[in-house]
Amino acid sequence: GTKMELPLWLSKGLYEKKRRVLSVELPKVYREGWRTVFNADPNVVDLHKMGPYYYGLGSQMLHFDSPENPEIAQTLLQV
């Protein structure tokens, strides 16, 4: 039950479908609350301020099984 931050490459290696050693928590900018903000008006949100690699990291987060993946993918396409 310990929470820790790991590099993305290590997380992907430990999150293999055959033996899942860890669970992944979405960064706050990809959660439902922030997606609502983007849907309201994506023109006023400074994505660089929130994370300079917003699109790259978002696309990598889709590799992890999450029920929110379809909504995250849609937001990445719209923003």
C-alpha atoms as a PDB file:
ATOM      1  CA  GLY A   1       0.000   0.000   0.000  1.00  0.00           C
ATOM      2  CA  THR A   2       2.978   2.355  -0.261  1.00  0.00           C
ATOM      3  CA  LYS A   3       2.711   5.297  -2.667  1.00  0.00           C
ATOM      4  CA  MET A   4       5.800   6.521  -4.477  1.00  0.00           C
ATOM      5  CA  GLU A   5       6.725   8.348  -7.647  1.00  0.00           C
ATOM      6  CA  LEU A   6       8.522   6.282 -10.276  1.00  0.00           C
ATOM      7  CA  PRO A   7       9.879   7.169 -13.713  1.00  0.00           C
ATOM      8  CA  LEU A   8       7.482   6.376 -16.525  1.00  0.00           C
ATOM      9  CA  TRP A   9       9.820   3.816 -18.118  1.00  0.00           C
ATOM     10  CA  LEU A  10      10.080   1.876 -14.854  1.00  0.00           C
ATOM     11  CA  SER A  11       6.330   2.042 -14.226  1.00  0.00           C
ATOM     12  CA  LYS A  12       5.614   0.652 -17.684  1.00  0.00           C
ATOM     13  CA  GLY A  13       8.024  -2.228 -17.069  1.00  0.00           C
ATOM     14  CA  LEU A  14       6.463  -3.135 -13.728  1.00  0.00           C
ATOM     15  CA  TYR A  15       2.931  -2.825 -15.092  1.00  0.00           C
ATOM     16  CA  GLU A  16       3.084  -5.732 -17.491  1.00  0.00           C
ATOM     17  CA  LYS A  17      -0.246  -7.384 -18.134  1.00  0.00           C
ATOM     18  CA  LYS A  18       1.017 -10.821 -17.037  1.00  0.00           C
ATOM     19  CA  ARG A  19       2.335  -9.837 -13.634  1.00  0.00           C
ATOM     20  CA  ARG A  20       1.089  -6.511 -12.428  1.00  0.00           C
ATOM     21  CA  VAL A  21       3.389  -5.442  -9.614  1.00  0.00           C
ATOM     22  CA  LEU A  22       1.947  -1.956  -9.141  1.00  0.00           C
ATOM     23  CA  SER A  23      -1.089   0.200  -9.713  1.00  0.00           C
ATOM     24  CA  VAL A  24      -0.879   3.579 -11.416  1.00  0.00           C
ATOM     25  CA  GLU A  25      -2.584   6.747 -10.252  1.00  0.00           C
ATOM     26  CA  LEU A  26      -3.332   9.357 -12.904  1.00  0.00           C
ATOM     27  CA  PRO A  27      -1.598  12.732 -12.546  1.00  0.00           C
ATOM     28  CA  LYS A  28      -4.057  15.449 -11.523  1.00  0.00           C
ATOM     29  CA  VAL A  29      -4.161  17.139 -14.951  1.00  0.00           C
ATOM     30  CA  TYR A  30      -5.637  13.980 -16.511  1.00  0.00           C
ATOM     31  CA  ARG A  31      -8.350  13.432 -13.912  1.00  0.00           C
ATOM     32  CA  GLU A  32     -12.036  14.203 -14.385  1.00  0.00           C
ATOM     33  CA  GLY A  33     -11.960  17.596 -12.663  1.00  0.00           C
ATOM     34  CA  TRP A  34      -9.357  18.966 -15.063  1.00  0.00           C
ATOM     35  CA  ARG A  35     -11.059  17.417 -18.075  1.00  0.00           C
ATOM     36  CA  THR A  36     -14.155  19.398 -17.115  1.00  0.00           C
ATOM     37  CA  VAL A  37     -12.088  22.608 -17.124  1.00  0.00           C
ATOM     38  CA  PHE A  38     -10.715  21.790 -20.588  1.00  0.00           C
ATOM     39  CA  ASN A  39     -14.207  21.106 -21.912  1.00  0.00           C
ATOM     40  CA  ALA A  40     -15.418  24.438 -20.569  1.00  0.00           C
ATOM     41  CA  ASP A  41     -12.781  26.529 -22.365  1.00  0.00           C
ATOM     42  CA  PRO A  42      -9.518  24.932 -23.508  1.00  0.00           C
ATOM     43  CA  ASN A  43      -8.277  28.238 -24.955  1.00  0.00           C
ATOM     44  CA  VAL A  44      -7.582  29.777 -21.542  1.00  0.00           C
ATOM     45  CA  VAL A  45      -5.724  26.823 -20.009  1.00  0.00           C
ATOM     46  CA  ASP A  46      -1.921  27.108 -20.146  1.00  0.00           C
ATOM     47  CA  LEU A  47      -0.899  23.480 -20.714  1.00  0.00           C
ATOM     48  CA  HIS A  48       2.801  24.329 -20.627  1.00  0.00           C
ATOM     49  CA  LYS A  49       2.393  25.723 -17.134  1.00  0.00           C
ATOM     50  CA  MET A  50       0.632  22.543 -16.019  1.00  0.00           C
ATOM     51  CA  GLY A  51       3.235  20.296 -17.594  1.00  0.00           C
ATOM     52  CA  PRO A  52       5.465  20.912 -20.605  1.00  0.00           C
ATOM     53  CA  TYR A  53       4.917  17.342 -21.794  1.00  0.00           C
ATOM     54  CA  TYR A  54       1.124  17.257 -21.454  1.00  0.00           C
ATOM     55  CA  TYR A  55       0.422  15.505 -24.763  1.00  0.00           C
ATOM     56  CA  GLY A  56       3.397  13.141 -24.643  1.00  0.00           C
ATOM     57  CA  LEU A  57       2.763  12.005 -21.089  1.00  0.00           C
ATOM     58  CA  GLY A  58      -0.974  11.774 -21.724  1.00  0.00           C
ATOM     59  CA  SER A  59      -0.461   9.449 -24.656  1.00  0.00           C
ATOM     60  CA  GLN A  60       1.921   7.306 -22.578  1.00  0.00           C
ATOM     61  CA  MET A  61      -0.618   7.120 -19.723  1.00  0.00           C
ATOM     62  CA  LEU A  62      -3.040   5.440 -22.129  1.00  0.00           C
ATOM     63  CA  HIS A  63      -0.824   2.320 -21.998  1.00  0.00           C
ATOM     64  CA  PHE A  64      -2.012   1.671 -18.450  1.00  0.00           C
ATOM     65  CA  ASP A  65      -5.412   0.050 -18.021  1.00  0.00           C
ATOM     66  CA  SER A  66      -7.719   2.716 -16.649  1.00  0.00           C
ATOM     67  CA  PRO A  67     -11.478   3.114 -16.984  1.00  0.00           C
ATOM     68  CA  GLU A  68     -10.837   6.792 -17.782  1.00  0.00           C
ATOM     69  CA  ASN A  69      -8.672   6.096 -20.873  1.00  0.00           C
ATOM     70  CA  PRO A  70     -11.386   6.871 -23.471  1.00  0.00           C
ATOM     71  CA  GLU A  71     -12.094  10.255 -21.853  1.00  0.00           C
ATOM     72  CA  ILE A  72      -8.379  11.065 -21.560  1.00  0.00           C
ATOM     73  CA  ALA A  73      -7.817  10.207 -25.225  1.00  0.00           C
ATOM     74  CA  GLN A  74     -10.766  12.374 -26.265  1.00  0.00           C
ATOM     75  CA  THR A  75      -9.467  15.298 -24.191  1.00  0.00           C
ATOM     76  CA  LEU A  76      -5.987  14.982 -25.725  1.00  0.00           C
ATOM     77  CA  LEU A  77      -7.547  15.231 -29.182  1.00  0.00           C
ATOM     78  CA  GLN A  78      -9.766  18.207 -28.313  1.00  0.00           C
ATOM     79  CA  VAL A  79      -7.349  20.384 -26.326  1.00  0.00           C
END
